[in-house]
Amino acid sequence: MRSLVLAVVWLTLVVYIVLGGVIFHFIEESTESDTKTNAFDGFKNFLSNYSCISHEELELFIKNVIQAYDQGVLVTYNTSSESNWDIASSIFFAITVVTTIGYGHIAPSTDSGRTFFVFYAFVGIPLCMVALGFLGEKLQLPLKKLQKRVLWRDRPRYDSYIKSVIYVTLGFSILILLPALVFWIVEDWSYTDSLYYVVVTLTTVGFGDFVPGANEKNFRAVYKLVVCVWIMIGLAWVALLISEVGDVMRGKVSKLINKHNSNAKELSDKEQNMELQPPSAASI
């Protein structure tokens, strides 16, 4: 039975992944095609307007721009992006390493930096997981205090459910909805983009299409350090929430297995009792 349940769980996961991939395909592919078409039309229009430039020279120029952009550098004739390796930005990068978020907007480009990264990540990631575990225990204290209070004496199961909902709602509001509002104001993103960034970060998916502090200049260092603190607290809470959900799912699966084993045992005991019983006089 356990092997059967395990197979069902994995099959469900595979179906879920494939279904998600198909949905993303139908949502995103048309936009990607339009972007390619617009980029190609812009390429042709530029060459037609500036015939003194060959397409080889333009391609080389674009590749150089892309290479710089991949290293987090955006430079025009009059402007230049802020440094990605000042102290605050480097600490922010270190946070994305040890938390395995890995935005990908910047990365070490030197052999020394990449070598240091290897050792830094292998030590920092487990250390961060241990620290987040202790922080998660602290974040559980409000829930434990809330669980000690009795809200509905007549319905204990309903009481426990409501307390969990209150805890999750408060955490979701403080660590997800409120930070998204802050990013919406500070970064000038839409609230949907801000909420998307928050979830991408706290689930450690880390696409890197949105990164805070790229345009902020006046309080950039302080702002990035505050974001680092939010990331650590938010990660601990989300990890705690995911762990609780996982425990509930595992509990449901365990109950299903135990129920099946109990029913199978009862059926087996009945069959054995029937075999041991002597034949009745009527049957003789």
C-alpha atoms as a PDB file:
ATOM      1  CA  MET A   1       0.000   0.000   0.000  1.00  0.00           C
ATOM      2  CA  ARG A   2       2.796   2.412   0.884  1.00  0.00           C
ATOM      3  CA  SER A   3       4.415   1.860  -2.529  1.00  0.00           C
ATOM      4  CA  LEU A   4       1.063   2.480  -4.199  1.00  0.00           C
ATOM      5  CA  VAL A   5       0.537   5.756  -2.310  1.00  0.00           C
ATOM      6  CA  LEU A   6       4.090   6.851  -3.119  1.00  0.00           C
ATOM      7  CA  ALA A   7       3.470   6.109  -6.792  1.00  0.00           C
ATOM      8  CA  VAL A   8       0.220   8.112  -6.697  1.00  0.00           C
ATOM      9  CA  VAL A   9       1.966  11.068  -5.045  1.00  0.00           C
ATOM     10  CA  TRP A  10       4.740  11.095  -7.646  1.00  0.00           C
ATOM     11  CA  LEU A  11       2.242  10.670 -10.475  1.00  0.00           C
ATOM     12  CA  THR A  12       0.246  13.602  -9.121  1.00  0.00           C
ATOM     13  CA  LEU A  13       3.407  15.716  -8.955  1.00  0.00           C
ATOM     14  CA  VAL A  14       4.385  14.827 -12.526  1.00  0.00           C
ATOM     15  CA  VAL A  15       0.886  15.621 -13.793  1.00  0.00           C
ATOM     16  CA  TYR A  16       0.928  18.903 -11.846  1.00  0.00           C
ATOM     17  CA  ILE A  17       4.293  19.887 -13.373  1.00  0.00           C
ATOM     18  CA  VAL A  18       3.259  18.960 -16.913  1.00  0.00           C
ATOM     19  CA  LEU A  19      -0.075  20.763 -16.521  1.00  0.00           C
ATOM     20  CA  GLY A  20       1.720  23.860 -15.231  1.00  0.00           C
ATOM     21  CA  GLY A  21       4.167  23.756 -18.129  1.00  0.00           C
ATOM     22  CA  VAL A  22       1.336  23.484 -20.667  1.00  0.00           C
ATOM     23  CA  ILE A  23      -0.538  26.413 -19.094  1.00  0.00           C
ATOM     24  CA  PHE A  24       2.609  28.587 -19.068  1.00  0.00           C
ATOM     25  CA  HIS A  25       3.170  27.598 -22.702  1.00  0.00           C
ATOM     26  CA  PHE A  26      -0.217  28.870 -23.830  1.00  0.00           C
ATOM     27  CA  ILE A  27       0.022  32.019 -21.696  1.00  0.00           C
ATOM     28  CA  GLU A  28       3.561  33.111 -22.555  1.00  0.00           C
ATOM     29  CA  GLU A  29       4.481  31.802 -26.021  1.00  0.00           C
ATOM     30  CA  SER A  30       2.465  34.323 -28.031  1.00  0.00           C
ATOM     31  CA  THR A  31       4.048  37.233 -26.146  1.00  0.00           C
ATOM     32  CA  GLU A  32       7.498  35.784 -26.765  1.00  0.00           C
ATOM     33  CA  SER A  33       6.746  35.501 -30.499  1.00  0.00           C
ATOM     34  CA  ASP A  34       5.558  39.123 -30.588  1.00  0.00           C
ATOM     35  CA  THR A  35       8.721  40.250 -28.817  1.00  0.00           C
ATOM     36  CA  LYS A  36      10.896  38.409 -31.337  1.00  0.00           C
ATOM     37  CA  THR A  37       8.965  39.942 -34.239  1.00  0.00           C
ATOM     38  CA  ASN A  38       9.199  43.467 -32.811  1.00  0.00           C
ATOM     39  CA  ALA A  39      12.911  43.074 -32.096  1.00  0.00           C
ATOM     40  CA  PHE A  40      13.605  41.813 -35.609  1.00  0.00           C
ATOM     41  CA  ASP A  41      11.569  44.654 -37.163  1.00  0.00           C
ATOM     42  CA  GLY A  42      13.453  47.164 -35.050  1.00  0.00           C
ATOM     43  CA  PHE A  43      16.754  45.617 -36.151  1.00  0.00           C
ATOM     44  CA  LYS A  44      15.785  45.936 -39.838  1.00  0.00           C
ATOM     45  CA  ASN A  45      14.434  49.469 -39.441  1.00  0.00           C
ATOM     46  CA  PHE A  46      17.600  50.617 -37.730  1.00  0.00           C
ATOM     47  CA  LEU A  47      19.774  49.233 -40.541  1.00  0.00           C
ATOM     48  CA  SER A  48      17.560  50.811 -43.199  1.00  0.00           C
ATOM     49  CA  ASN A  49      17.759  54.217 -41.500  1.00  0.00           C
ATOM     50  CA  TYR A  50      21.506  54.016 -40.891  1.00  0.00           C
ATOM     51  CA  SER A  51      22.896  52.296 -43.937  1.00  0.00           C
ATOM     52  CA  CYS A  52      26.454  53.269 -42.999  1.00  0.00           C
ATOM     53  CA  ILE A  53      26.380  50.536 -40.329  1.00  0.00           C
ATOM     54  CA  SER A  54      26.568  46.910 -41.417  1.00  0.00           C
ATOM     55  CA  HIS A  55      24.469  44.229 -39.747  1.00  0.00           C
ATOM     56  CA  GLU A  56      27.680  42.559 -38.511  1.00  0.00           C
ATOM     57  CA  GLU A  57      28.721  45.764 -36.701  1.00  0.00           C
ATOM     58  CA  LEU A  58      25.254  46.179 -35.204  1.00  0.00           C
ATOM     59  CA  GLU A  59      25.166  42.554 -34.022  1.00  0.00           C
ATOM     60  CA  LEU A  60      28.593  42.962 -32.415  1.00  0.00           C
ATOM     61  CA  PHE A  61      27.422  46.122 -30.649  1.00  0.00           C
ATOM     62  CA  ILE A  62      24.261  44.395 -29.381  1.00  0.00           C
ATOM     63  CA  LYS A  63      26.245  41.384 -28.144  1.00  0.00           C
ATOM     64  CA  ASN A  64      28.569  43.693 -26.195  1.00  0.00           C
ATOM     65  CA  VAL A  65      25.578  45.435 -24.609  1.00  0.00           C
ATOM     66  CA  ILE A  66      24.004  42.088 -23.709  1.00  0.00           C
ATOM     67  CA  GLN A  67      27.277  40.818 -22.234  1.00  0.00           C
ATOM     68  CA  ALA A  68      27.524  43.915 -20.025  1.00  0.00           C
ATOM     69  CA  TYR A  69      23.860  43.637 -19.059  1.00  0.00           C
ATOM     70  CA  ASP A  70      24.333  39.993 -18.070  1.00  0.00           C
ATOM     71  CA  GLN A  71      26.939  41.226 -15.583  1.00  0.00           C
ATOM     72  CA  GLY A  72      24.461  43.765 -14.190  1.00  0.00           C
ATOM     73  CA  VAL A  73      25.940  46.747 -16.028  1.00  0.00           C
ATOM     74  CA  LEU A  74      23.799  49.076 -18.112  1.00  0.00           C
ATOM     75  CA  VAL A  75      25.648  51.963 -19.737  1.00  0.00           C
ATOM     76  CA  THR A  76      24.493  54.557 -22.266  1.00  0.00           C
ATOM     77  CA  TYR A  77      26.240  57.644 -23.636  1.00  0.00           C
ATOM     78  CA  ASN A  78      25.059  59.835 -20.747  1.00  0.00           C
ATOM     79  CA  THR A  79      24.158  57.424 -17.957  1.00  0.00           C
ATOM     80  CA  SER A  80      25.525  54.430 -16.114  1.00  0.00           C
ATOM     81  CA  SER A  81      23.887  51.965 -13.754  1.00  0.00           C
ATOM     82  CA  GLU A  82      24.771  51.955 -10.072  1.00  0.00           C
ATOM     83  CA  SER A  83      27.523  49.602  -8.919  1.00  0.00           C
ATOM     84  CA  ASN A  84      26.459  46.036  -8.203  1.00  0.00           C
ATOM     85  CA  TRP A  85      29.496  45.402  -6.031  1.00  0.00           C
ATOM     86  CA  ASP A  86      29.429  48.167  -3.462  1.00  0.00           C
ATOM     87  CA  ILE A  87      29.253  46.930   0.132  1.00  0.00           C
ATOM     88  CA  ALA A  88      25.461  46.941   0.436  1.00  0.00           C
ATOM     89  CA  SER A  89      24.927  45.311  -2.963  1.00  0.00           C
ATOM     90  CA  SER A  90      27.586  42.690  -2.220  1.00  0.00           C
ATOM     91  CA  ILE A  91      25.887  41.834   1.084  1.00  0.00           C
ATOM     92  CA  PHE A  92      22.591  41.588  -0.802  1.00  0.00           C
ATOM     93  CA  PHE A  93      24.251  39.213  -3.266  1.00  0.00           C
ATOM     94  CA  ALA A  94      25.627  37.135  -0.385  1.00  0.00           C
ATOM     95  CA  ILE A  95      22.065  36.857   0.985  1.00  0.00           C
ATOM     96  CA  THR A  96      20.849  35.507  -2.360  1.00  0.00           C
ATOM     97  CA  VAL A  97      23.639  32.912  -2.242  1.00  0.00           C
ATOM     98  CA  VAL A  98      23.162  31.496   1.259  1.00  0.00           C
ATOM     99  CA  THR A  99      19.356  31.510   0.926  1.00  0.00           C
ATOM    100  CA  THR A 100      19.598  29.825  -2.523  1.00  0.00           C
ATOM    101  CA  ILE A 101      17.377  32.558  -4.035  1.00  0.00           C
ATOM    102  CA  GLY A 102      19.938  33.268  -6.754  1.00  0.00           C
ATOM    103  CA  TYR A 103      18.329  36.104  -8.705  1.00  0.00           C
ATOM    104  CA  GLY A 104      20.898  35.806 -11.467  1.00  0.00           C
ATOM    105  CA  HIS A 105      21.001  39.540 -12.197  1.00  0.00           C
ATOM    106  CA  ILE A 106      24.653  39.600 -11.157  1.00  0.00           C
ATOM    107  CA  ALA A 107      27.259  36.892 -10.706  1.00  0.00           C
ATOM    108  CA  PRO A 108      31.007  36.727 -10.080  1.00  0.00           C
ATOM    109  CA  SER A 109      32.889  37.296 -13.323  1.00  0.00           C
ATOM    110  CA  THR A 110      36.432  36.650 -12.070  1.00  0.00           C
ATOM    111  CA  ASP A 111      38.104  33.323 -11.385  1.00  0.00           C
ATOM    112  CA  SER A 112      38.838  34.446  -7.828  1.00  0.00           C
ATOM    113  CA  GLY A 113      35.194  35.398  -7.239  1.00  0.00           C
ATOM    114  CA  ARG A 114      33.888  32.109  -8.651  1.00  0.00           C
ATOM    115  CA  THR A 115      36.365  30.067  -6.614  1.00  0.00           C
ATOM    116  CA  PHE A 116      35.409  31.907  -3.444  1.00  0.00           C
ATOM    117  CA  PHE A 117      31.739  31.344  -4.279  1.00  0.00           C
ATOM    118  CA  VAL A 118      32.199  27.565  -4.318  1.00  0.00           C
ATOM    119  CA  PHE A 119      33.506  27.427  -0.743  1.00  0.00           C
ATOM    120  CA  TYR A 120      31.249  30.244   0.470  1.00  0.00           C
ATOM    121  CA  ALA A 121      28.076  28.526  -0.786  1.00  0.00           C
ATOM    122  CA  PHE A 122      28.914  25.083   0.630  1.00  0.00           C
ATOM    123  CA  VAL A 123      29.424  26.546   4.103  1.00  0.00           C
ATOM    124  CA  GLY A 124      26.882  29.364   3.984  1.00  0.00           C
ATOM    125  CA  ILE A 125      23.828  27.456   2.718  1.00  0.00           C
ATOM    126  CA  PRO A 126      23.652  24.848   5.529  1.00  0.00           C
ATOM    127  CA  LEU A 127      24.532  27.544   8.074  1.00  0.00           C
ATOM    128  CA  CYS A 128      21.657  29.660   6.761  1.00  0.00           C
ATOM    129  CA  MET A 129      19.260  26.697   6.899  1.00  0.00           C
ATOM    130  CA  VAL A 130      20.144  26.125  10.573  1.00  0.00           C
ATOM    131  CA  ALA A 131      19.692  29.827  11.377  1.00  0.00           C
ATOM    132  CA  LEU A 132      16.343  29.932   9.557  1.00  0.00           C
ATOM    133  CA  GLY A 133      15.251  26.862  11.501  1.00  0.00           C
ATOM    134  CA  PHE A 134      15.923  28.626  14.822  1.00  0.00           C
ATOM    135  CA  LEU A 135      14.202  31.757  13.533  1.00  0.00           C
ATOM    136  CA  GLY A 136      11.222  29.646  12.481  1.00  0.00           C
ATOM    137  CA  GLU A 137      10.959  28.322  16.049  1.00  0.00           C
ATOM    138  CA  LYS A 138      10.769  31.908  17.299  1.00  0.00           C
ATOM    139  CA  LEU A 139       8.080  32.715  14.749  1.00  0.00           C
ATOM    140  CA  GLN A 140       6.076  29.763  16.066  1.00  0.00           C
ATOM    141  CA  LEU A 141       5.817  31.315  19.534  1.00  0.00           C
ATOM    142  CA  PRO A 142       2.860  33.599  18.649  1.00  0.00           C
ATOM    143  CA  LEU A 143       0.998  30.569  17.262  1.00  0.00           C
ATOM    144  CA  LYS A 144       1.728  28.519  20.404  1.00  0.00           C
ATOM    145  CA  LYS A 145       0.486  31.366  22.608  1.00  0.00           C
ATOM    146  CA  LEU A 146      -2.594  31.687  20.437  1.00  0.00           C
ATOM    147  CA  GLN A 147      -3.232  27.938  20.635  1.00  0.00           C
ATOM    148  CA  LYS A 148      -3.308  28.143  24.426  1.00  0.00           C
ATOM    149  CA  ARG A 149      -6.227  30.550  24.279  1.00  0.00           C
ATOM    150  CA  VAL A 150      -9.668  29.028  24.010  1.00  0.00           C
ATOM    151  CA  LEU A 151     -11.932  30.838  21.551  1.00  0.00           C
ATOM    152  CA  TRP A 152     -14.649  28.211  21.040  1.00  0.00           C
ATOM    153  CA  ARG A 153     -14.944  25.752  23.921  1.00  0.00           C
ATOM    154  CA  ASP A 154     -17.769  23.761  22.361  1.00  0.00           C
ATOM    155  CA  ARG A 155     -15.913  23.134  19.084  1.00  0.00           C
ATOM    156  CA  PRO A 156     -12.215  22.372  19.742  1.00  0.00           C
ATOM    157  CA  ARG A 157     -11.498  21.315  16.166  1.00  0.00           C
ATOM    158  CA  TYR A 158     -13.076  24.494  14.803  1.00  0.00           C
ATOM    159  CA  ASP A 159     -11.179  26.485  17.444  1.00  0.00           C
ATOM    160  CA  SER A 160      -7.804  25.109  16.310  1.00  0.00           C
ATOM    161  CA  TYR A 161      -8.665  25.705  12.650  1.00  0.00           C
ATOM    162  CA  ILE A 162      -9.611  29.353  13.249  1.00  0.00           C
ATOM    163  CA  LYS A 163      -6.385  29.992  15.191  1.00  0.00           C
ATOM    164  CA  SER A 164      -4.298  28.605  12.315  1.00  0.00           C
ATOM    165  CA  VAL A 165      -6.191  30.805   9.851  1.00  0.00           C
ATOM    166  CA  ILE A 166      -5.567  33.881  12.038  1.00  0.00           C
ATOM    167  CA  TYR A 167      -1.835  33.099  12.258  1.00  0.00           C
ATOM    168  CA  VAL A 168      -1.470  32.513   8.515  1.00  0.00           C
ATOM    169  CA  THR A 169      -3.501  35.615   7.645  1.00  0.00           C
ATOM    170  CA  LEU A 170      -1.413  37.851   9.920  1.00  0.00           C
ATOM    171  CA  GLY A 171       1.851  36.431   8.600  1.00  0.00           C
ATOM    172  CA  PHE A 172       0.676  36.716   4.993  1.00  0.00           C
ATOM    173  CA  SER A 173      -0.388  40.325   5.537  1.00  0.00           C
ATOM    174  CA  ILE A 174       2.773  41.425   7.369  1.00  0.00           C
ATOM    175  CA  LEU A 175       5.401  39.543   5.339  1.00  0.00           C
ATOM    176  CA  ILE A 176       3.828  39.395   1.874  1.00  0.00           C
ATOM    177  CA  LEU A 177       1.040  41.921   1.288  1.00  0.00           C
ATOM    178  CA  LEU A 178       2.660  44.791   3.219  1.00  0.00           C
ATOM    179  CA  PRO A 179       6.160  44.392   1.656  1.00  0.00           C
ATOM    180  CA  ALA A 180       4.511  44.225  -1.775  1.00  0.00           C
ATOM    181  CA  LEU A 181       2.872  47.573  -0.990  1.00  0.00           C
ATOM    182  CA  VAL A 182       6.265  49.032  -0.023  1.00  0.00           C
ATOM    183  CA  PHE A 183       7.897  47.797  -3.241  1.00  0.00           C
ATOM    184  CA  TRP A 184       4.961  49.193  -5.213  1.00  0.00           C
ATOM    185  CA  ILE A 185       5.646  52.650  -3.728  1.00  0.00           C
ATOM    186  CA  VAL A 186       9.468  52.623  -3.647  1.00  0.00           C
ATOM    187  CA  GLU A 187      10.267  50.716  -6.844  1.00  0.00           C
ATOM    188  CA  ASP A 188       7.397  52.138  -8.922  1.00  0.00           C
ATOM    189  CA  TRP A 189       6.343  48.621  -9.895  1.00  0.00           C
ATOM    190  CA  SER A 190       2.710  47.675 -10.265  1.00  0.00           C
ATOM    191  CA  TYR A 191       1.247  45.993  -7.186  1.00  0.00           C
ATOM    192  CA  THR A 192       0.890  42.756  -9.177  1.00  0.00           C
ATOM    193  CA  ASP A 193       4.592  42.867 -10.073  1.00  0.00           C
ATOM    194  CA  SER A 194       5.482  43.662  -6.467  1.00  0.00           C
ATOM    195  CA  LEU A 195       3.418  40.765  -5.129  1.00  0.00           C
ATOM    196  CA  TYR A 196       4.931  38.513  -7.799  1.00  0.00           C
ATOM    197  CA  TYR A 197       8.445  39.569  -6.736  1.00  0.00           C
ATOM    198  CA  VAL A 198       7.695  38.922  -3.052  1.00  0.00           C
ATOM    199  CA  VAL A 199       6.442  35.390  -3.713  1.00  0.00           C
ATOM    200  CA  VAL A 200       9.295  34.630  -6.148  1.00  0.00           C
ATOM    201  CA  THR A 201      11.782  35.716  -3.487  1.00  0.00           C
ATOM    202  CA  LEU A 202      10.293  34.069  -0.405  1.00  0.00           C
ATOM    203  CA  THR A 203       9.827  30.762  -2.209  1.00  0.00           C
ATOM    204  CA  THR A 204      13.529  31.007  -3.269  1.00  0.00           C
ATOM    205  CA  VAL A 205      12.533  30.634  -6.926  1.00  0.00           C
ATOM    206  CA  GLY A 206      14.464  33.832  -7.685  1.00  0.00           C
ATOM    207  CA  PHE A 207      13.899  34.520 -11.379  1.00  0.00           C
ATOM    208  CA  GLY A 208      15.790  37.829 -11.220  1.00  0.00           C
ATOM    209  CA  ASP A 209      13.425  39.739 -13.523  1.00  0.00           C
ATOM    210  CA  PHE A 210      12.668  42.093 -10.617  1.00  0.00           C
ATOM    211  CA  VAL A 211      15.418  43.135  -8.201  1.00  0.00           C
ATOM    212  CA  PRO A 212      14.942  45.845  -5.549  1.00  0.00           C
ATOM    213  CA  GLY A 213      17.284  48.779  -5.233  1.00  0.00           C
ATOM    214  CA  ALA A 214      18.330  48.976  -8.880  1.00  0.00           C
ATOM    215  CA  ASN A 215      16.978  52.525  -9.292  1.00  0.00           C
ATOM    216  CA  GLU A 216      17.082  53.748  -5.705  1.00  0.00           C
ATOM    217  CA  LYS A 217      19.999  56.182  -5.167  1.00  0.00           C
ATOM    218  CA  ASN A 218      19.461  58.302  -2.060  1.00  0.00           C
ATOM    219  CA  PHE A 219      19.118  55.511   0.521  1.00  0.00           C
ATOM    220  CA  ARG A 220      20.178  52.570  -1.633  1.00  0.00           C
ATOM    221  CA  ALA A 221      22.523  50.975   0.919  1.00  0.00           C
ATOM    222  CA  VAL A 222      20.089  51.211   3.843  1.00  0.00           C
ATOM    223  CA  TYR A 223      17.208  50.100   1.641  1.00  0.00           C
ATOM    224  CA  LYS A 224      19.020  46.970   0.452  1.00  0.00           C
ATOM    225  CA  LEU A 225      20.040  46.031   3.983  1.00  0.00           C
ATOM    226  CA  VAL A 226      16.412  46.394   5.152  1.00  0.00           C
ATOM    227  CA  VAL A 227      15.352  44.153   2.264  1.00  0.00           C
ATOM    228  CA  CYS A 228      17.934  41.597   3.454  1.00  0.00           C
ATOM    229  CA  VAL A 229      16.360  41.547   6.925  1.00  0.00           C
ATOM    230  CA  TRP A 230      12.886  41.125   5.412  1.00  0.00           C
ATOM    231  CA  ILE A 231      14.124  38.249   3.238  1.00  0.00           C
ATOM    232  CA  MET A 232      15.510  36.332   6.221  1.00  0.00           C
ATOM    233  CA  ILE A 233      12.352  36.742   8.323  1.00  0.00           C
ATOM    234  CA  GLY A 234      10.073  36.045   5.363  1.00  0.00           C
ATOM    235  CA  LEU A 235      11.991  32.928   4.363  1.00  0.00           C
ATOM    236  CA  ALA A 236      11.756  31.523   7.879  1.00  0.00           C
ATOM    237  CA  TRP A 237       7.986  32.107   7.957  1.00  0.00           C
ATOM    238  CA  VAL A 238       7.358  30.663   4.488  1.00  0.00           C
ATOM    239  CA  ALA A 239       9.550  27.639   5.267  1.00  0.00           C
ATOM    240  CA  LEU A 240       7.532  27.130   8.457  1.00  0.00           C
ATOM    241  CA  LEU A 241       4.261  27.423   6.541  1.00  0.00           C
ATOM    242  CA  ILE A 242       5.399  25.009   3.830  1.00  0.00           C
ATOM    243  CA  SER A 243       6.574  22.567   6.500  1.00  0.00           C
ATOM    244  CA  GLU A 244       3.180  22.720   8.237  1.00  0.00           C
ATOM    245  CA  VAL A 245       1.349  22.148   4.949  1.00  0.00           C
ATOM    246  CA  GLY A 246       3.692  19.267   4.165  1.00  0.00           C
ATOM    247  CA  ASP A 247       3.023  17.743   7.593  1.00  0.00           C
ATOM    248  CA  VAL A 248      -0.733  17.965   6.985  1.00  0.00           C
ATOM    249  CA  MET A 249      -0.372  16.258   3.599  1.00  0.00           C
ATOM    250  CA  ARG A 250       1.868  13.549   5.037  1.00  0.00           C
ATOM    251  CA  GLY A 251      -0.623  13.063   7.865  1.00  0.00           C
ATOM    252  CA  LYS A 252      -3.462  12.576   5.377  1.00  0.00           C
ATOM    253  CA  VAL A 253      -1.403  10.045   3.427  1.00  0.00           C
ATOM    254  CA  SER A 254      -0.405   8.209   6.630  1.00  0.00           C
ATOM    255  CA  LYS A 255      -4.047   8.013   7.739  1.00  0.00           C
ATOM    256  CA  LEU A 256      -4.985   6.607   4.346  1.00  0.00           C
ATOM    257  CA  ILE A 257      -2.252   3.966   4.579  1.00  0.00           C
ATOM    258  CA  ASN A 258      -3.138   3.050   8.186  1.00  0.00           C
ATOM    259  CA  LYS A 259      -6.841   2.805   7.345  1.00  0.00           C
ATOM    260  CA  HIS A 260      -6.109   0.534   4.401  1.00  0.00           C
ATOM    261  CA  ASN A 261      -3.786  -1.644   6.497  1.00  0.00           C
ATOM    262  CA  SER A 262      -6.410  -1.845   9.263  1.00  0.00           C
ATOM    263  CA  ASN A 263      -9.138  -2.850   6.816  1.00  0.00           C
ATOM    264  CA  ALA A 264      -6.833  -5.400   5.207  1.00  0.00           C
ATOM    265  CA  LYS A 265      -5.971  -6.849   8.636  1.00  0.00           C
ATOM    266  CA  GLU A 266      -9.645  -7.097   9.625  1.00  0.00           C
ATOM    267  CA  LEU A 267     -10.461  -8.842   6.362  1.00  0.00           C
ATOM    268  CA  SER A 268      -7.554 -11.250   6.841  1.00  0.00           C
ATOM    269  CA  ASP A 269      -8.645 -12.011  10.444  1.00  0.00           C
ATOM    270  CA  LYS A 270     -12.199 -12.723   9.274  1.00  0.00           C
ATOM    271  CA  GLU A 271     -10.949 -15.097   6.593  1.00  0.00           C
ATOM    272  CA  GLN A 272      -8.755 -16.921   9.130  1.00  0.00           C
ATOM    273  CA  ASN A 273     -11.667 -17.225  11.596  1.00  0.00           C
ATOM    274  CA  MET A 274     -13.906 -18.648   8.896  1.00  0.00           C
ATOM    275  CA  GLU A 275     -11.262 -21.242   8.031  1.00  0.00           C
ATOM    276  CA  LEU A 276     -10.856 -22.245  11.710  1.00  0.00           C
ATOM    277  CA  GLN A 277     -14.570 -22.560  12.456  1.00  0.00           C
ATOM    278  CA  PRO A 278     -15.871 -26.221  12.396  1.00  0.00           C
ATOM    279  CA  PRO A 279     -18.560 -27.029   9.820  1.00  0.00           C
ATOM    280  CA  SER A 280     -22.150 -26.728  11.073  1.00  0.00           C
ATOM    281  CA  ALA A 281     -24.561 -29.695  11.280  1.00  0.00           C
ATOM    282  CA  ALA A 282     -26.704 -28.258   8.517  1.00  0.00           C
ATOM    283  CA  SER A 283     -23.768 -28.186   6.145  1.00  0.00           C
ATOM    284  CA  ILE A 284     -23.006 -31.858   6.959  1.00  0.00           C
END
